[in-house]
Amino acid sequence: GRCQHSFEAMERGLGAFAKYVPREVVQMLLSGAMSQESGAMGRRVVSVMFMDVVGFTALSEKVEPEVLMRVTTEYLQQMCGVIVSTGGALDKFIGDCIMALWNAP
């Protein structure tokens, strides 16, 4: 019924979130282990990566929009997979740039 539907929607949302954030972080968020009150958010060394496609603007001016979208989507999916598989977390996309973090939060 309604409860089952809500539970399934929550599972889908968490699954989507886990594509961009390490599962351990999702589990910590769900357990409450990452609340600022718990002290879990103390100081730490964090690695930040900005990754940009060289020549993207020139490429975007030469290819059809559908081709650019397909290539960009494939690139971003592949890079996000590598980021998450190495314990990183996707922070944001900035055009063709990816910002990712390690050892955070």
Protein backbone atom coordinates (compact mmCIF):
# COMPACT_ATOMS: atom_id res chain seq x y z
CA GLY A 1 0.00 0.00 0.00
CA ARG A 2 1.03 3.53 0.76
CA CYS A 3 3.81 2.57 3.17
CA GLN A 4 5.32 0.15 0.65
CA HIS A 5 5.23 2.86 -2.05
CA SER A 6 7.01 5.32 0.26
CA PHE A 7 9.64 2.73 1.14
CA GLU A 8 10.30 1.92 -2.53
CA ALA A 9 10.58 5.64 -3.37
CA MET A 10 13.10 6.05 -0.54
CA GLU A 11 15.15 3.09 -1.81
CA ARG A 12 15.23 4.55 -5.33
CA GLY A 13 16.33 7.92 -3.98
CA LEU A 14 19.10 6.42 -1.88
CA GLY A 15 20.23 4.29 -4.82
CA ALA A 16 20.47 7.36 -7.01
CA PHE A 17 22.32 9.28 -4.29
CA ALA A 18 24.78 6.41 -3.87
CA LYS A 19 25.81 6.75 -7.52
CA TYR A 20 27.54 10.02 -6.63
CA VAL A 21 28.50 9.54 -2.99
CA PRO A 22 30.31 6.57 -1.45
CA ARG A 23 27.89 4.08 0.14
CA GLU A 24 29.69 4.47 3.47
CA VAL A 25 28.73 8.15 3.50
CA VAL A 26 25.10 7.32 2.72
CA GLN A 27 25.11 4.78 5.57
CA MET A 28 26.64 7.33 7.97
CA LEU A 29 23.99 9.90 6.99
CA LEU A 30 21.18 7.39 7.59
CA SER A 31 22.58 6.27 10.94
CA GLY A 32 23.01 9.84 12.18
CA ALA A 33 26.74 9.34 12.60
CA MET A 34 27.49 12.48 10.58
CA SER A 35 25.54 15.02 12.56
CA GLN A 36 27.60 18.06 13.47
CA GLU A 37 26.62 17.60 17.09
CA SER A 38 28.30 14.17 17.16
CA GLY A 39 31.73 15.64 16.44
CA ALA A 40 32.07 13.49 13.31
CA MET A 41 32.59 16.61 11.22
CA GLY A 42 35.89 17.62 12.87
CA ARG A 43 38.95 18.90 11.04
CA ARG A 44 40.55 16.67 8.43
CA VAL A 45 42.69 16.75 5.32
CA VAL A 46 40.46 16.74 2.25
CA SER A 47 41.46 16.23 -1.38
CA VAL A 48 39.60 18.28 -3.97
CA MET A 49 39.77 17.61 -7.70
CA PHE A 50 38.61 19.79 -10.56
CA MET A 51 38.67 17.92 -13.87
CA ASP A 52 37.98 19.69 -17.14
CA VAL A 53 37.91 18.49 -20.76
CA VAL A 54 40.64 20.21 -22.76
CA GLY A 55 39.22 21.63 -25.99
CA PHE A 56 35.58 21.13 -25.00
CA THR A 57 34.43 24.52 -26.26
CA ALA A 58 36.07 24.01 -29.64
CA LEU A 59 34.58 20.51 -29.86
CA SER A 60 31.12 21.81 -28.94
CA GLU A 61 31.28 24.24 -31.85
CA LYS A 62 32.08 21.48 -34.37
CA VAL A 63 29.73 18.60 -33.57
CA GLU A 64 25.97 18.19 -33.59
CA PRO A 65 24.26 18.80 -30.22
CA GLU A 66 23.08 15.18 -30.01
CA VAL A 67 26.63 13.90 -30.48
CA LEU A 68 28.00 16.33 -27.92
CA MET A 69 25.34 15.30 -25.42
CA ARG A 70 26.02 11.59 -25.94
CA VAL A 71 29.81 12.00 -25.62
CA THR A 72 29.52 14.30 -22.59
CA THR A 73 27.07 11.99 -20.82
CA GLU A 74 29.32 8.98 -21.38
CA TYR A 75 32.38 10.88 -20.14
CA LEU A 76 30.63 12.16 -17.00
CA GLN A 77 29.21 8.72 -16.19
CA GLN A 78 32.61 7.05 -16.58
CA MET A 79 34.40 9.66 -14.47
CA CYS A 80 31.75 9.55 -11.74
CA GLY A 81 32.14 5.78 -11.58
CA VAL A 82 35.90 6.13 -11.08
CA ILE A 83 35.45 8.84 -8.45
CA VAL A 84 32.99 6.81 -6.39
CA SER A 85 34.92 3.54 -6.80
CA THR A 86 37.99 5.22 -5.30
CA GLY A 87 36.08 6.53 -2.27
CA GLY A 88 35.44 10.00 -3.64
CA ALA A 89 32.24 11.97 -3.69
CA LEU A 90 30.93 13.98 -6.60
CA ASP A 91 30.43 17.57 -5.50
CA LYS A 92 29.15 19.17 -8.69
CA PHE A 93 29.26 19.47 -12.44
CA ILE A 94 30.35 22.84 -13.78
CA GLY A 95 29.72 22.58 -17.51
CA ASP A 96 32.19 19.92 -18.64
CA CYS A 97 34.11 20.21 -15.35
CA ILE A 98 33.69 17.80 -12.45
CA MET A 99 34.43 18.74 -8.85
CA ALA A 100 35.03 15.79 -6.54
CA LEU A 101 36.14 15.36 -2.93
CA TRP A 102 37.98 12.63 -1.04
CA ASN A 103 38.01 12.21 2.75
CA ALA A 104 34.97 14.41 3.04
CA PRO A 105 32.67 14.80 4.75
